[in-house]
Every structure is written in C-alpha cells, then in structure tokens.
Amino acid sequence: MADHAKASATVVKILRTLTTTVQGLAELRNQLGLGHGRTAPSPALTRHARLALNSTVTVTEFVLDTWQDRIDRGKLPPLSQQPRAD
C-alpha cells in the first residue's frame, strides 16, 4: 500500500472517530446539560467540560475548513451567493 493510501485510510479512521465524538457530545449534553429544564448544577467535572469544549472546537474548525476548501475549489458558491435559511 502506498504511503498516501495509508495516510488516507488513517484520515478516514480519524473522521470516524470525530463522528463518534459528535455523538458522544450530544449524549453528554443530554445527560449533564441544562437544556432540558434542569436547574441543578451539572455534576460534570471541569476537565470533562474542557474536553467537551475543545472537542467541539476541533469538529467545528474541521467542518468550516472543509466548507471553505470546497468554496475555494469551486465546488460550492461563495457564502454571499448561497441561499439564506431565514
């Protein structure tokens, strides 16, 4: 297997892990978040909150970078030309 194919397979593996991370973040939000009418303080530890925050930043930056790359390569129109979701 060529090095670029190995690297590509590794990237796919990382992307699968990111998908699992997003699912885990949603579960964590449902279990520990205040979004379902809870008023008691969350039992989450600071390190868990930081992990969730940094994971969210990583996923968001990857999605935005991918979106911008597709715009740059002409696969998507520039943001100013994309339909608005008003």
PDB file of N, CA and C in Angstrom:
ATOM      1  N   MET A   1       0.851  -1.173   0.000  1.00  0.00           N
ATOM      2  CA  MET A   1       0.000   0.000   0.000  1.00  0.00           C
ATOM      3  C   MET A   1       0.901   1.242   0.000  1.00  0.00           C
ATOM      4  N   ALA A   2       0.616   2.188  -0.872  1.00  0.00           N
ATOM      5  CA  ALA A   2       1.407   3.420  -0.947  1.00  0.00           C
ATOM      6  C   ALA A   2       1.189   4.263   0.301  1.00  0.00           C
ATOM      7  N   ASP A   3       2.191   5.099   0.593  1.00  0.00           N
ATOM      8  CA  ASP A   3       2.106   5.940   1.788  1.00  0.00           C
ATOM      9  C   ASP A   3       0.876   6.834   1.771  1.00  0.00           C
ATOM     10  N   HIS A   4       0.534   7.412   0.593  1.00  0.00           N
ATOM     11  CA  HIS A   4      -0.630   8.296   0.545  1.00  0.00           C
ATOM     12  C   HIS A   4      -1.922   7.522   0.802  1.00  0.00           C
ATOM     13  N   ALA A   5      -1.974   6.264   0.390  1.00  0.00           N
ATOM     14  CA  ALA A   5      -3.155   5.442   0.658  1.00  0.00           C
ATOM     15  C   ALA A   5      -3.257   5.125   2.146  1.00  0.00           C
ATOM     16  N   LYS A   6      -2.117   4.862   2.783  1.00  0.00           N
ATOM     17  CA  LYS A   6      -2.115   4.625   4.228  1.00  0.00           C
ATOM     18  C   LYS A   6      -2.564   5.873   4.971  1.00  0.00           C
ATOM     19  N   ALA A   7      -2.055   7.021   4.542  1.00  0.00           N
ATOM     20  CA  ALA A   7      -2.447   8.281   5.182  1.00  0.00           C
ATOM     21  C   ALA A   7      -3.931   8.532   4.986  1.00  0.00           C
ATOM     22  N   SER A   8      -4.431   8.235   3.793  1.00  0.00           N
ATOM     23  CA  SER A   8      -5.852   8.423   3.516  1.00  0.00           C
ATOM     24  C   SER A   8      -6.702   7.523   4.410  1.00  0.00           C
ATOM     25  N   ALA A   9      -6.278   6.289   4.590  1.00  0.00           N
ATOM     26  CA  ALA A   9      -7.004   5.369   5.471  1.00  0.00           C
ATOM     27  C   ALA A   9      -6.977   5.866   6.909  1.00  0.00           C
ATOM     28  N   THR A  10      -5.875   6.449   7.311  1.00  0.00           N
ATOM     29  CA  THR A  10      -5.767   6.998   8.663  1.00  0.00           C
ATOM     30  C   THR A  10      -6.693   8.194   8.833  1.00  0.00           C
ATOM     31  N   VAL A  11      -6.782   9.043   7.815  1.00  0.00           N
ATOM     32  CA  VAL A  11      -7.694  10.188   7.877  1.00  0.00           C
ATOM     33  C   VAL A  11      -9.135   9.702   8.002  1.00  0.00           C
ATOM     34  N   VAL A  12      -9.501   8.688   7.249  1.00  0.00           N
ATOM     35  CA  VAL A  12     -10.855   8.127   7.347  1.00  0.00           C
ATOM     36  C   VAL A  12     -11.114   7.622   8.760  1.00  0.00           C
ATOM     37  N   LYS A  13     -10.137   6.982   9.354  1.00  0.00           N
ATOM     38  CA  LYS A  13     -10.273   6.488  10.723  1.00  0.00           C
ATOM     39  C   LYS A  13     -10.505   7.648  11.699  1.00  0.00           C
ATOM     40  N   ILE A  14      -9.749   8.722  11.522  1.00  0.00           N
ATOM     41  CA  ILE A  14      -9.911   9.899  12.385  1.00  0.00           C
ATOM     42  C   ILE A  14     -11.296  10.510  12.190  1.00  0.00           C
ATOM     43  N   LEU A  15     -11.763  10.590  10.942  1.00  0.00           N
ATOM     44  CA  LEU A  15     -13.094  11.147  10.685  1.00  0.00           C
ATOM     45  C   LEU A  15     -14.185  10.304  11.331  1.00  0.00           C
ATOM     46  N   ARG A  16     -14.028   8.996  11.315  1.00  0.00           N
ATOM     47  CA  ARG A  16     -14.999   8.129  12.011  1.00  0.00           C
ATOM     48  C   ARG A  16     -14.990   8.427  13.506  1.00  0.00           C
ATOM     49  N   THR A  17     -13.808   8.642  14.046  1.00  0.00           N
ATOM     50  CA  THR A  17     -13.693   8.975  15.464  1.00  0.00           C
ATOM     51  C   THR A  17     -14.364  10.313  15.754  1.00  0.00           C
ATOM     52  N   LEU A  18     -14.223  11.284  14.851  1.00  0.00           N
ATOM     53  CA  LEU A  18     -14.896  12.570  15.040  1.00  0.00           C
ATOM     54  C   LEU A  18     -16.415  12.400  15.036  1.00  0.00           C
ATOM     55  N   THR A  19     -16.918  11.526  14.185  1.00  0.00           N
ATOM     56  CA  THR A  19     -18.358  11.254  14.167  1.00  0.00           C
ATOM     57  C   THR A  19     -18.800  10.695  15.508  1.00  0.00           C
ATOM     58  N   THR A  20     -18.042   9.766  16.043  1.00  0.00           N
ATOM     59  CA  THR A  20     -18.342   9.204  17.359  1.00  0.00           C
ATOM     60  C   THR A  20     -18.244  10.277  18.435  1.00  0.00           C
ATOM     61  N   THR A  21     -17.286  11.178  18.292  1.00  0.00           N
ATOM     62  CA  THR A  21     -17.129  12.275  19.252  1.00  0.00           C
ATOM     63  C   THR A  21     -18.362  13.163  19.255  1.00  0.00           C
ATOM     64  N   VAL A  22     -18.877  13.498  18.076  1.00  0.00           N
ATOM     65  CA  VAL A  22     -20.078  14.334  17.990  1.00  0.00           C
ATOM     66  C   VAL A  22     -21.256  13.629  18.657  1.00  0.00           C
ATOM     67  N   GLN A  23     -21.403  12.343  18.422  1.00  0.00           N
ATOM     68  CA  GLN A  23     -22.482  11.589  19.069  1.00  0.00           C
ATOM     69  C   GLN A  23     -22.312  11.607  20.582  1.00  0.00           C
ATOM     70  N   GLY A  24     -21.077  11.440  21.049  1.00  0.00           N
ATOM     71  CA  GLY A  24     -20.804  11.475  22.483  1.00  0.00           C
ATOM     72  C   GLY A  24     -21.091  12.839  23.085  1.00  0.00           C
ATOM     73  N   LEU A  25     -20.767  13.905  22.368  1.00  0.00           N
ATOM     74  CA  LEU A  25     -21.059  15.253  22.860  1.00  0.00           C
ATOM     75  C   LEU A  25     -22.565  15.465  23.001  1.00  0.00           C
ATOM     76  N   ALA A  26     -23.328  14.971  22.040  1.00  0.00           N
ATOM     77  CA  ALA A  26     -24.787  15.092  22.124  1.00  0.00           C
ATOM     78  C   ALA A  26     -25.320  14.323  23.330  1.00  0.00           C
ATOM     79  N   GLU A  27     -24.801  13.133  23.551  1.00  0.00           N
ATOM     80  CA  GLU A  27     -25.224  12.341  24.712  1.00  0.00           C
ATOM     81  C   GLU A  27     -24.854  13.039  26.010  1.00  0.00           C
ATOM     82  N   LEU A  28     -23.652  13.587  26.068  1.00  0.00           N
ATOM     83  CA  LEU A  28     -23.199  14.287  27.264  1.00  0.00           C
ATOM     84  C   LEU A  28     -24.076  15.502  27.543  1.00  0.00           C
ATOM     85  N   ARG A  29     -24.408  16.226  26.511  1.00  0.00           N
ATOM     86  CA  ARG A  29     -25.277  17.389  26.664  1.00  0.00           C
ATOM     87  C   ARG A  29     -26.648  16.964  27.199  1.00  0.00           C
ATOM     88  N   ASN A  30     -27.173  15.869  26.683  1.00  0.00           N
ATOM     89  CA  ASN A  30     -28.474  15.388  27.153  1.00  0.00           C
ATOM     90  C   ASN A  30     -28.418  14.915  28.601  1.00  0.00           C
ATOM     91  N   GLN A  31     -27.323  14.295  28.990  1.00  0.00           N
ATOM     92  CA  GLN A  31     -27.212  13.731  30.336  1.00  0.00           C
ATOM     93  C   GLN A  31     -26.820  14.760  31.386  1.00  0.00           C
ATOM     94  N   LEU A  32     -25.962  15.714  31.025  1.00  0.00           N
ATOM     95  CA  LEU A  32     -25.418  16.632  32.022  1.00  0.00           C
ATOM     96  C   LEU A  32     -25.777  18.092  31.794  1.00  0.00           C
ATOM     97  N   GLY A  33     -26.293  18.410  30.630  1.00  0.00           N
ATOM     98  CA  GLY A  33     -26.569  19.802  30.304  1.00  0.00           C
ATOM     99  C   GLY A  33     -27.816  20.330  30.992  1.00  0.00           C
ATOM    100  N   LEU A  34     -27.995  21.636  30.888  1.00  0.00           N
ATOM    101  CA  LEU A  34     -29.149  22.300  31.487  1.00  0.00           C
ATOM    102  C   LEU A  34     -30.244  22.544  30.452  1.00  0.00           C
ATOM    103  N   GLY A  35     -30.118  21.964  29.289  1.00  0.00           N
ATOM    104  CA  GLY A  35     -31.034  22.226  28.185  1.00  0.00           C
ATOM    105  C   GLY A  35     -32.388  21.561  28.275  1.00  0.00           C
ATOM    106  N   HIS A  36     -32.614  20.703  29.221  1.00  0.00           N
ATOM    107  CA  HIS A  36     -33.898  20.014  29.330  1.00  0.00           C
ATOM    108  C   HIS A  36     -34.631  20.452  30.589  1.00  0.00           C
ATOM    109  N   GLY A  37     -34.508  21.716  30.944  1.00  0.00           N
ATOM    110  CA  GLY A  37     -35.229  22.259  32.083  1.00  0.00           C
ATOM    111  C   GLY A  37     -34.594  21.990  33.428  1.00  0.00           C
ATOM    112  N   ARG A  38     -33.411  21.410  33.438  1.00  0.00           N
ATOM    113  CA  ARG A  38     -32.742  21.168  34.713  1.00  0.00           C
ATOM    114  C   ARG A  38     -32.284  22.494  35.307  1.00  0.00           C
ATOM    115  N   THR A  39     -32.372  22.573  36.612  1.00  0.00           N
ATOM    116  CA  THR A  39     -31.902  23.787  37.286  1.00  0.00           C
ATOM    117  C   THR A  39     -30.760  23.495  38.245  1.00  0.00           C
ATOM    118  N   ALA A  40     -30.541  22.233  38.568  1.00  0.00           N
ATOM    119  CA  ALA A  40     -29.450  21.866  39.478  1.00  0.00           C
ATOM    120  C   ALA A  40     -28.116  22.004  38.749  1.00  0.00           C
ATOM    121  N   PRO A  41     -27.078  22.345  39.469  1.00  0.00           N
ATOM    122  CA  PRO A  41     -25.752  22.430  38.839  1.00  0.00           C
ATOM    123  C   PRO A  41     -25.353  21.089  38.221  1.00  0.00           C
ATOM    124  N   SER A  42     -24.618  21.159  37.147  1.00  0.00           N
ATOM    125  CA  SER A  42     -24.161  19.950  36.476  1.00  0.00           C
ATOM    126  C   SER A  42     -23.103  19.249  37.321  1.00  0.00           C
ATOM    127  N   PRO A  43     -23.164  17.918  37.377  1.00  0.00           N
ATOM    128  CA  PRO A  43     -22.130  17.180  38.105  1.00  0.00           C
ATOM    129  C   PRO A  43     -20.840  17.003  37.295  1.00  0.00           C
ATOM    130  N   ALA A  44     -20.811  17.563  36.093  1.00  0.00           N
ATOM    131  CA  ALA A  44     -19.624  17.413  35.245  1.00  0.00           C
ATOM    132  C   ALA A  44     -18.411  18.070  35.896  1.00  0.00           C
ATOM    133  N   LEU A  45     -17.282  17.436  35.746  1.00  0.00           N
ATOM    134  CA  LEU A  45     -16.032  17.992  36.252  1.00  0.00           C
ATOM    135  C   LEU A  45     -15.463  18.985  35.245  1.00  0.00           C
ATOM    136  N   THR A  46     -14.654  19.889  35.728  1.00  0.00           N
ATOM    137  CA  THR A  46     -14.056  20.904  34.861  1.00  0.00           C
ATOM    138  C   THR A  46     -13.302  20.268  33.704  1.00  0.00           C
ATOM    139  N   ARG A  47     -12.587  19.202  33.965  1.00  0.00           N
ATOM    140  CA  ARG A  47     -11.808  18.580  32.888  1.00  0.00           C
ATOM    141  C   ARG A  47     -12.723  17.982  31.821  1.00  0.00           C
ATOM    142  N   HIS A  48     -13.906  17.506  32.234  1.00  0.00           N
ATOM    143  CA  HIS A  48     -14.853  16.967  31.260  1.00  0.00           C
ATOM    144  C   HIS A  48     -15.453  18.100  30.424  1.00  0.00           C
ATOM    145  N   ALA A  49     -15.738  19.221  31.081  1.00  0.00           N
ATOM    146  CA  ALA A  49     -16.258  20.380  30.351  1.00  0.00           C
ATOM    147  C   ALA A  49     -15.227  20.880  29.341  1.00  0.00           C
ATOM    148  N   ARG A  50     -13.967  20.932  29.747  1.00  0.00           N
ATOM    149  CA  ARG A  50     -12.899  21.377  28.846  1.00  0.00           C
ATOM    150  C   ARG A  50     -12.745  20.404  27.681  1.00  0.00           C
ATOM    151  N   LEU A  51     -12.837  19.114  27.949  1.00  0.00           N
ATOM    152  CA  LEU A  51     -12.759  18.110  26.889  1.00  0.00           C
ATOM    153  C   LEU A  51     -13.897  18.304  25.889  1.00  0.00           C
ATOM    154  N   ALA A  52     -15.110  18.519  26.400  1.00  0.00           N
ATOM    155  CA  ALA A  52     -16.260  18.734  25.519  1.00  0.00           C
ATOM    156  C   ALA A  52     -16.073  20.001  24.687  1.00  0.00           C
ATOM    157  N   LEU A  53     -15.637  21.072  25.323  1.00  0.00           N
ATOM    158  CA  LEU A  53     -15.433  22.335  24.617  1.00  0.00           C
ATOM    159  C   LEU A  53     -14.380  22.195  23.527  1.00  0.00           C
ATOM    160  N   ASN A  54     -13.236  21.646  23.865  1.00  0.00           N
ATOM    161  CA  ASN A  54     -12.153  21.526  22.885  1.00  0.00           C
ATOM    162  C   ASN A  54     -12.509  20.561  21.760  1.00  0.00           C
ATOM    163  N   SER A  55     -13.261  19.515  22.075  1.00  0.00           N
ATOM    164  CA  SER A  55     -13.720  18.595  21.029  1.00  0.00           C
ATOM    165  C   SER A  55     -14.661  19.308  20.069  1.00  0.00           C
ATOM    166  N   THR A  56     -15.543  20.130  20.624  1.00  0.00           N
ATOM    167  CA  THR A  56     -16.477  20.894  19.800  1.00  0.00           C
ATOM    168  C   THR A  56     -15.733  21.869  18.891  1.00  0.00           C
ATOM    169  N   VAL A  57     -14.733  22.540  19.429  1.00  0.00           N
ATOM    170  CA  VAL A  57     -13.935  23.478  18.627  1.00  0.00           C
ATOM    171  C   VAL A  57     -13.240  22.733  17.488  1.00  0.00           C
ATOM    172  N   THR A  58     -12.664  21.585  17.776  1.00  0.00           N
ATOM    173  CA  THR A  58     -11.956  20.809  16.753  1.00  0.00           C
ATOM    174  C   THR A  58     -12.890  20.402  15.621  1.00  0.00           C
ATOM    175  N   VAL A  59     -14.052  19.866  15.964  1.00  0.00           N
ATOM    176  CA  VAL A  59     -15.012  19.433  14.944  1.00  0.00           C
ATOM    177  C   VAL A  59     -15.489  20.636  14.130  1.00  0.00           C
ATOM    178  N   THR A  60     -15.818  21.727  14.804  1.00  0.00           N
ATOM    179  CA  THR A  60     -16.321  22.921  14.120  1.00  0.00           C
ATOM    180  C   THR A  60     -15.279  23.496  13.171  1.00  0.00           C
ATOM    181  N   GLU A  61     -14.033  23.589  13.619  1.00  0.00           N
ATOM    182  CA  GLU A  61     -12.975  24.108  12.749  1.00  0.00           C
ATOM    183  C   GLU A  61     -12.772  23.213  11.531  1.00  0.00           C
ATOM    184  N   PHE A  62     -12.861  21.911  11.715  1.00  0.00           N
ATOM    185  CA  PHE A  62     -12.701  20.994  10.586  1.00  0.00           C
ATOM    186  C   PHE A  62     -13.830  21.193   9.575  1.00  0.00           C
ATOM    187  N   VAL A  63     -15.054  21.293  10.062  1.00  0.00           N
ATOM    188  CA  VAL A  63     -16.200  21.482   9.162  1.00  0.00           C
ATOM    189  C   VAL A  63     -16.067  22.803   8.402  1.00  0.00           C
ATOM    190  N   LEU A  64     -15.730  23.881   9.110  1.00  0.00           N
ATOM    191  CA  LEU A  64     -15.592  25.183   8.450  1.00  0.00           C
ATOM    192  C   LEU A  64     -14.429  25.197   7.457  1.00  0.00           C
ATOM    193  N   ASP A  65     -13.313  24.570   7.811  1.00  0.00           N
ATOM    194  CA  ASP A  65     -12.178  24.480   6.883  1.00  0.00           C
ATOM    195  C   ASP A  65     -12.555  23.692   5.628  1.00  0.00           C
ATOM    196  N   THR A  66     -13.301  22.608   5.810  1.00  0.00           N
ATOM    197  CA  THR A  66     -13.744  21.791   4.678  1.00  0.00           C
ATOM    198  C   THR A  66     -14.686  22.588   3.786  1.00  0.00           C
ATOM    199  N   TRP A  67     -15.606  23.302   4.404  1.00  0.00           N
ATOM    200  CA  TRP A  67     -16.546  24.133   3.655  1.00  0.00           C
ATOM    201  C   TRP A  67     -15.790  25.184   2.842  1.00  0.00           C
ATOM    202  N   GLN A  68     -14.839  25.876   3.486  1.00  0.00           N
ATOM    203  CA  GLN A  68     -14.065  26.906   2.787  1.00  0.00           C
ATOM    204  C   GLN A  68     -13.248  26.299   1.650  1.00  0.00           C
ATOM    205  N   ASP A  69     -12.682  25.119   1.861  1.00  0.00           N
ATOM    206  CA  ASP A  69     -11.913  24.457   0.813  1.00  0.00           C
ATOM    207  C   ASP A  69     -12.796  24.168  -0.393  1.00  0.00           C
ATOM    208  N   ARG A  70     -14.025  23.753  -0.144  1.00  0.00           N
ATOM    209  CA  ARG A  70     -14.945  23.468  -1.259  1.00  0.00           C
ATOM    210  C   ARG A  70     -15.326  24.744  -1.997  1.00  0.00           C
ATOM    211  N   ILE A  71     -15.460  25.842  -1.272  1.00  0.00           N
ATOM    212  CA  ILE A  71     -15.714  27.133  -1.920  1.00  0.00           C
ATOM    213  C   ILE A  71     -14.509  27.514  -2.772  1.00  0.00           C
ATOM    214  N   ASP A  72     -13.314  27.391  -2.199  1.00  0.00           N
ATOM    215  CA  ASP A  72     -12.080  27.762  -2.906  1.00  0.00           C
ATOM    216  C   ASP A  72     -11.873  26.944  -4.177  1.00  0.00           C
ATOM    217  N   ARG A  73     -12.306  25.686  -4.175  1.00  0.00           N
ATOM    218  CA  ARG A  73     -12.133  24.818  -5.346  1.00  0.00           C
ATOM    219  C   ARG A  73     -13.313  24.893  -6.313  1.00  0.00           C
ATOM    220  N   GLY A  74     -14.275  25.780  -6.020  1.00  0.00           N
ATOM    221  CA  GLY A  74     -15.413  25.967  -6.915  1.00  0.00           C
ATOM    222  C   GLY A  74     -16.490  24.913  -6.790  1.00  0.00           C
ATOM    223  N   LYS A  75     -16.439  24.104  -5.752  1.00  0.00           N
ATOM    224  CA  LYS A  75     -17.450  23.058  -5.571  1.00  0.00           C
ATOM    225  C   LYS A  75     -18.686  23.585  -4.850  1.00  0.00           C
ATOM    226  N   LEU A  76     -18.547  24.747  -4.208  1.00  0.00           N
ATOM    227  CA  LEU A  76     -19.666  25.440  -3.567  1.00  0.00           C
ATOM    228  C   LEU A  76     -19.570  26.907  -3.950  1.00  0.00           C
ATOM    229  N   PRO A  77     -20.718  27.597  -4.062  1.00  0.00           N
ATOM    230  CA  PRO A  77     -20.649  29.032  -4.328  1.00  0.00           C
ATOM    231  C   PRO A  77     -20.156  29.774  -3.087  1.00  0.00           C
ATOM    232  N   PRO A  78     -19.608  30.970  -3.274  1.00  0.00           N
ATOM    233  CA  PRO A  78     -19.202  31.765  -2.111  1.00  0.00           C
ATOM    234  C   PRO A  78     -20.391  31.984  -1.177  1.00  0.00           C
ATOM    235  N   LEU A  79     -20.101  32.218   0.084  1.00  0.00           N
ATOM    236  CA  LEU A  79     -21.166  32.395   1.070  1.00  0.00           C
ATOM    237  C   LEU A  79     -22.157  33.468   0.655  1.00  0.00           C
ATOM    238  N   SER A  80     -21.678  34.537   0.030  1.00  0.00           N
ATOM    239  CA  SER A  80     -22.568  35.629  -0.374  1.00  0.00           C
ATOM    240  C   SER A  80     -23.571  35.196  -1.436  1.00  0.00           C
ATOM    241  N   GLN A  81     -23.314  34.077  -2.113  1.00  0.00           N
ATOM    242  CA  GLN A  81     -24.205  33.590  -3.164  1.00  0.00           C
ATOM    243  C   GLN A  81     -25.013  32.374  -2.736  1.00  0.00           C
ATOM    244  N   GLN A  82     -24.808  31.906  -1.523  1.00  0.00           N
ATOM    245  CA  GLN A  82     -25.553  30.743  -1.048  1.00  0.00           C
ATOM    246  C   GLN A  82     -26.903  31.186  -0.504  1.00  0.00           C
ATOM    247  N   PRO A  83     -27.927  30.357  -0.669  1.00  0.00           N
ATOM    248  CA  PRO A  83     -29.252  30.732  -0.165  1.00  0.00           C
ATOM    249  C   PRO A  83     -29.243  30.875   1.352  1.00  0.00           C
ATOM    250  N   ARG A  84     -30.017  31.823   1.831  1.00  0.00           N
ATOM    251  CA  ARG A  84     -30.121  32.053   3.275  1.00  0.00           C
ATOM    252  C   ARG A  84     -31.227  31.181   3.844  1.00  0.00           C
ATOM    253  N   ALA A  85     -31.064  30.814   5.091  1.00  0.00           N
ATOM    254  CA  ALA A  85     -32.049  29.957   5.771  1.00  0.00           C
ATOM    255  C   ALA A  85     -32.898  30.789   6.725  1.00  0.00           C
ATOM    256  N   ASP A  86     -33.401  31.925   6.242  1.00  0.00           N
ATOM    257  CA  ASP A  86     -34.195  32.810   7.110  1.00  0.00           C
ATOM    258  C   ASP A  86     -35.487  32.166   7.500  1.00  0.00           C
TER     259      ASP A  86
END
